[in-house]
Amino acid sequence: MKNIILIAEVVIAILLMVSILLQGRGAGLSGVFGGSSAVYRTKRGIEKFLTIFSVVLFIIFVGLAITSLILY
């Protein structure tokens, strides 16, 4: 049981890192060259999916970490 939880934690951690890295980085260097925009923008499509997916993965990861702490 301990090995299953540890493997699940590692897999969830890798998926969480990938989902965070795939998300948009905001303005980036465009603000340096005058391309910054103060327009409010909502998340749509894949951006919204990645945000929700990251939150769900985080909740699962924290749950697994607490479970691992309690059991062992």
Protein backbone atom coordinates (compact mmCIF):
# COMPACT_ATOMS: atom_id res chain seq x y z
CA MET A 1 0.00 0.00 0.00
CA LYS A 2 2.85 2.36 0.83
CA ASN A 3 4.45 1.83 -2.58
CA ILE A 4 1.17 2.52 -4.39
CA ILE A 5 0.71 5.83 -2.58
CA LEU A 6 4.32 6.86 -3.24
CA ILE A 7 4.09 6.00 -6.94
CA ALA A 8 0.77 7.85 -7.20
CA GLU A 9 2.34 10.91 -5.53
CA VAL A 10 5.22 10.93 -8.00
CA VAL A 11 2.91 10.55 -11.01
CA ILE A 12 0.58 13.29 -9.75
CA ALA A 13 3.56 15.57 -9.03
CA ILE A 14 4.89 15.13 -12.59
CA LEU A 15 1.44 15.76 -14.10
CA LEU A 16 1.05 18.84 -11.90
CA MET A 17 4.40 20.25 -13.04
CA VAL A 18 3.55 19.65 -16.69
CA SER A 19 0.10 21.23 -16.39
CA ILE A 20 1.54 24.31 -14.68
CA LEU A 21 4.30 24.69 -17.24
CA LEU A 22 1.82 24.46 -20.12
CA GLN A 23 -0.22 27.38 -18.83
CA GLY A 24 0.23 30.87 -20.26
CA ARG A 25 2.89 33.06 -18.73
CA GLY A 26 1.06 36.37 -19.03
CA ALA A 27 2.61 39.30 -20.88
CA GLY A 28 6.20 38.07 -20.82
CA LEU A 29 8.59 40.54 -22.45
CA SER A 30 5.87 42.41 -24.32
CA GLY A 31 5.62 44.88 -21.41
CA VAL A 32 9.24 45.91 -21.95
CA PHE A 33 8.55 46.92 -25.56
CA GLY A 34 5.27 48.70 -24.90
CA GLY A 35 2.95 45.84 -25.76
CA SER A 36 1.37 45.47 -22.36
CA SER A 37 -2.40 45.48 -22.18
CA ALA A 38 -4.57 46.24 -19.17
CA VAL A 39 -7.60 44.46 -20.65
CA TYR A 40 -9.28 41.86 -18.46
CA ARG A 41 -9.28 38.51 -20.19
CA THR A 42 -11.23 35.39 -19.25
CA LYS A 43 -9.82 31.91 -19.61
CA ARG A 44 -11.35 29.82 -22.36
CA GLY A 45 -10.82 26.44 -23.92
CA ILE A 46 -7.59 24.65 -23.12
CA GLU A 47 -6.45 27.45 -20.79
CA LYS A 48 -9.52 26.95 -18.59
CA PHE A 49 -9.10 23.17 -18.70
CA LEU A 50 -5.44 23.41 -17.63
CA THR A 51 -6.32 25.69 -14.74
CA ILE A 52 -9.05 23.38 -13.44
CA PHE A 53 -6.86 20.32 -14.07
CA SER A 54 -4.01 21.90 -12.06
CA VAL A 55 -6.30 22.64 -9.12
CA VAL A 56 -7.71 19.10 -9.14
CA LEU A 57 -4.21 17.60 -9.31
CA PHE A 58 -3.10 19.81 -6.43
CA ILE A 59 -6.03 18.68 -4.28
CA ILE A 60 -5.31 15.03 -5.08
CA PHE A 61 -1.61 15.51 -4.34
CA VAL A 62 -2.30 17.13 -0.96
CA GLY A 63 -4.79 14.37 -0.14
CA LEU A 64 -2.22 11.69 -0.98
CA ALA A 65 0.44 13.47 1.05
CA ILE A 66 -1.82 13.68 4.10
CA THR A 67 -2.84 10.04 3.66
CA SER A 68 0.79 9.03 3.43
CA LEU A 69 1.59 11.02 6.55
CA ILE A 70 -1.25 9.47 8.54
CA LEU A 71 -0.63 5.88 7.43
CA TYR A 72 3.14 5.88 7.85
